[in-house]
Each structure stands twice: as C-alpha cells, then as structure tokens.
C-alpha cells in the first residue's frame, strides 16, 4: 500500500513529467497484447504489458499510467474486479478502458471504467483514440 500512497501524493506537475503517454495493457491473449504494443508504441506511447489482473494491479501500484486498458475475461482476477480495485486506489489519476467480446460495457462503466472497446478491434484505431482523447463510453 505504501507504493499507492506515493503515486497518490504526486503533484499534477510530477505526474505530467512523462514525455510520452503511458499505457498499461492487461489481456491474457498474447496476440491482443502484442498488437496493442505495436500500435501504441508506434504512436509514441510507453506501453507495459500484463497478462492477468493480479500483475496489472501490482504494476499500477508501483507506477503511474495515463491509461489502463483491460480485458474482461482472464484467469484469476477478471477485468471488472481489476477496475474496481484500481478505482479504490487511484480514483481520478488514470483513464480506464474495458474491452470484451461480450456486451460488457455497462458493467465496466458501473465498476468505474471511463470507456469500453468492443472486441474485435483494430489496434491502430485504439492508438488514434487514445491520442485524440476520444474514449467511447
């Protein structure tokens, strides 16, 4: 929990010191992770990949991300539980986007996500969406 407090205590100036937007991608599907890694890093974003909710929660507690994009269905902690836990520790510091092949937009938004992406999607479109700040709700 100490790491969370350190991020929470950062001033807006310290948070905005990043040269590039930072994105945490959480998905158990390697192809999805790799596609987003390529598209986002090609658009000058720093990308961290996690294949499950537990690793993503640790990454979020130990660093700062401008965006967190999480899948719904994963082994262990599913995406909606991850969103709930992230919102409990970082209520306003990060934009969280859920993604799923199922119609899970409403549950993601109720859990605290800022938007939802329906799978399948084109990774480059996600990069352009983040770059322009147009997060679909």
Protein backbone atom coordinates (compact mmCIF):
# COMPACT_ATOMS: atom_id res chain seq x y z
CA UNK A 1 0.00 0.00 0.00
CA UNK A 2 2.92 2.37 0.51
CA UNK A 3 3.57 2.49 -3.25
CA UNK A 4 -0.03 3.55 -3.83
CA UNK A 5 0.31 6.45 -1.42
CA UNK A 6 3.45 7.61 -3.22
CA UNK A 7 1.56 7.86 -6.52
CA UNK A 8 -1.46 9.42 -4.82
CA UNK A 9 0.75 12.08 -3.20
CA UNK A 10 2.29 13.16 -6.51
CA UNK A 11 1.52 16.69 -7.64
CA UNK A 12 -0.07 17.25 -11.07
CA UNK A 13 3.27 18.69 -12.19
CA UNK A 14 5.11 15.50 -11.21
CA UNK A 15 2.50 13.34 -12.92
CA UNK A 16 2.72 15.32 -16.16
CA UNK A 17 6.51 15.00 -16.32
CA UNK A 18 6.20 11.98 -18.60
CA UNK A 19 7.38 12.73 -22.13
CA UNK A 20 5.03 10.14 -23.58
CA UNK A 21 1.62 8.90 -22.53
CA UNK A 22 1.98 5.66 -20.58
CA UNK A 23 -0.41 2.76 -21.15
CA UNK A 24 -0.88 -0.46 -19.21
CA UNK A 25 -2.40 -3.25 -21.33
CA UNK A 26 -4.00 -6.17 -19.46
CA UNK A 27 -5.06 -9.19 -21.52
CA UNK A 28 -4.36 -12.91 -21.32
CA UNK A 29 -4.32 -13.09 -25.15
CA UNK A 30 -0.74 -12.58 -26.37
CA UNK A 31 -1.90 -11.52 -29.84
CA UNK A 32 -4.03 -8.72 -28.39
CA UNK A 33 -1.18 -7.56 -26.14
CA UNK A 34 1.35 -7.64 -28.98
CA UNK A 35 -0.99 -5.87 -31.42
CA UNK A 36 -1.64 -3.07 -28.97
CA UNK A 37 2.05 -2.89 -28.05
CA UNK A 38 3.00 -2.35 -31.68
CA UNK A 39 0.22 0.16 -32.43
CA UNK A 40 0.68 2.22 -29.27
CA UNK A 41 4.49 2.24 -29.20
CA UNK A 42 4.47 3.21 -32.91
CA UNK A 43 2.43 6.24 -31.83
CA UNK A 44 4.99 7.36 -29.24
CA UNK A 45 3.34 5.82 -26.19
CA UNK A 46 5.13 3.93 -23.43
CA UNK A 47 3.49 0.53 -23.05
CA UNK A 48 3.57 -2.01 -20.23
CA UNK A 49 2.01 -5.44 -20.78
CA UNK A 50 0.39 -7.71 -18.19
CA UNK A 51 -1.35 -10.99 -18.85
CA UNK A 52 -3.55 -11.02 -15.74
CA UNK A 53 -5.28 -8.75 -13.26
CA UNK A 54 -3.01 -9.55 -10.33
CA UNK A 55 0.13 -8.47 -12.23
CA UNK A 56 -1.66 -5.38 -13.52
CA UNK A 57 -2.71 -4.32 -10.02
CA UNK A 58 0.91 -4.61 -8.86
CA UNK A 59 2.13 -2.64 -11.88
CA UNK A 60 -0.44 0.09 -11.23
CA UNK A 61 0.52 0.26 -7.56
CA UNK A 62 4.21 0.64 -8.41
CA UNK A 63 3.96 3.13 -11.26
CA UNK A 64 1.84 5.72 -12.98
CA UNK A 65 -0.19 5.12 -16.15
CA UNK A 66 -2.19 7.63 -18.13
CA UNK A 67 -4.35 4.81 -19.49
CA UNK A 68 -5.14 1.27 -18.39
CA UNK A 69 -6.86 -0.98 -20.91
CA UNK A 70 -8.11 -4.25 -19.50
CA UNK A 71 -9.83 -7.32 -20.88
CA UNK A 72 -12.86 -8.74 -19.09
CA UNK A 73 -12.31 -12.49 -19.14
CA UNK A 74 -8.92 -13.51 -17.75
CA UNK A 75 -7.72 -16.28 -15.44
CA UNK A 76 -7.83 -15.21 -11.80
CA UNK A 77 -9.00 -11.63 -11.36
CA UNK A 78 -11.36 -10.60 -14.16
CA UNK A 79 -11.37 -7.12 -15.67
CA UNK A 80 -14.31 -5.70 -13.75
CA UNK A 81 -12.75 -6.66 -10.41
CA UNK A 82 -9.48 -5.09 -11.58
CA UNK A 83 -11.32 -1.85 -12.45
CA UNK A 84 -12.98 -1.79 -9.01
CA UNK A 85 -9.66 -2.29 -7.24
CA UNK A 86 -7.88 0.30 -9.38
CA UNK A 87 -10.61 2.86 -8.73
CA UNK A 88 -10.30 2.23 -5.00
CA UNK A 89 -6.63 3.21 -5.03
CA UNK A 90 -6.47 5.67 -7.94
CA UNK A 91 -9.88 7.33 -8.14
CA UNK A 92 -9.08 10.05 -10.65
CA UNK A 93 -5.48 9.69 -11.77
CA UNK A 94 -5.99 7.26 -14.62
CA UNK A 95 -8.34 6.64 -17.54
CA UNK A 96 -9.51 3.02 -17.51
CA UNK A 97 -10.96 1.36 -20.59
CA UNK A 98 -12.58 -2.07 -20.54
CA UNK A 99 -12.59 -4.39 -23.53
CA UNK A 100 -14.52 -7.56 -24.25
CA UNK A 101 -16.16 -9.58 -26.99
CA UNK A 102 -19.24 -9.71 -24.79
CA UNK A 103 -21.65 -6.84 -24.23
CA UNK A 104 -19.91 -5.81 -21.00
CA UNK A 105 -19.84 -2.02 -21.50
CA UNK A 106 -22.39 -1.22 -18.79
CA UNK A 107 -20.76 -3.42 -16.09
CA UNK A 108 -17.33 -1.93 -16.88
CA UNK A 109 -18.69 1.60 -16.62
CA UNK A 110 -20.54 0.79 -13.37
CA UNK A 111 -17.27 -0.54 -11.93
CA UNK A 112 -15.54 2.76 -12.68
CA UNK A 113 -14.16 2.45 -16.21
CA UNK A 114 -14.12 5.60 -18.33
CA UNK A 115 -14.92 3.77 -21.55
CA UNK A 116 -15.34 0.48 -23.34
CA UNK A 117 -13.91 -1.06 -26.52
CA UNK A 118 -15.73 -3.96 -28.14
CA UNK A 119 -13.58 -6.79 -29.45
CA UNK A 120 -12.53 -7.42 -32.13
CA UNK A 121 -10.92 -4.04 -32.80
CA UNK A 122 -8.11 -2.61 -34.89
CA UNK A 123 -5.16 -1.78 -32.59
CA UNK A 124 -4.24 1.30 -34.63
CA UNK A 125 -7.75 2.67 -34.03
CA UNK A 126 -7.17 2.31 -30.28
CA UNK A 127 -3.90 4.25 -30.60
CA UNK A 128 -5.67 7.05 -32.51
CA UNK A 129 -8.49 7.07 -29.94
CA UNK A 130 -6.04 7.48 -27.04
CA UNK A 131 -4.03 10.09 -28.92
CA UNK A 132 -7.15 12.16 -29.55
CA UNK A 133 -8.70 11.55 -26.14
CA UNK A 134 -11.92 10.23 -27.69
CA UNK A 135 -12.79 7.44 -25.25
CA UNK A 136 -16.08 5.69 -26.13
CA UNK A 137 -18.38 5.24 -23.16
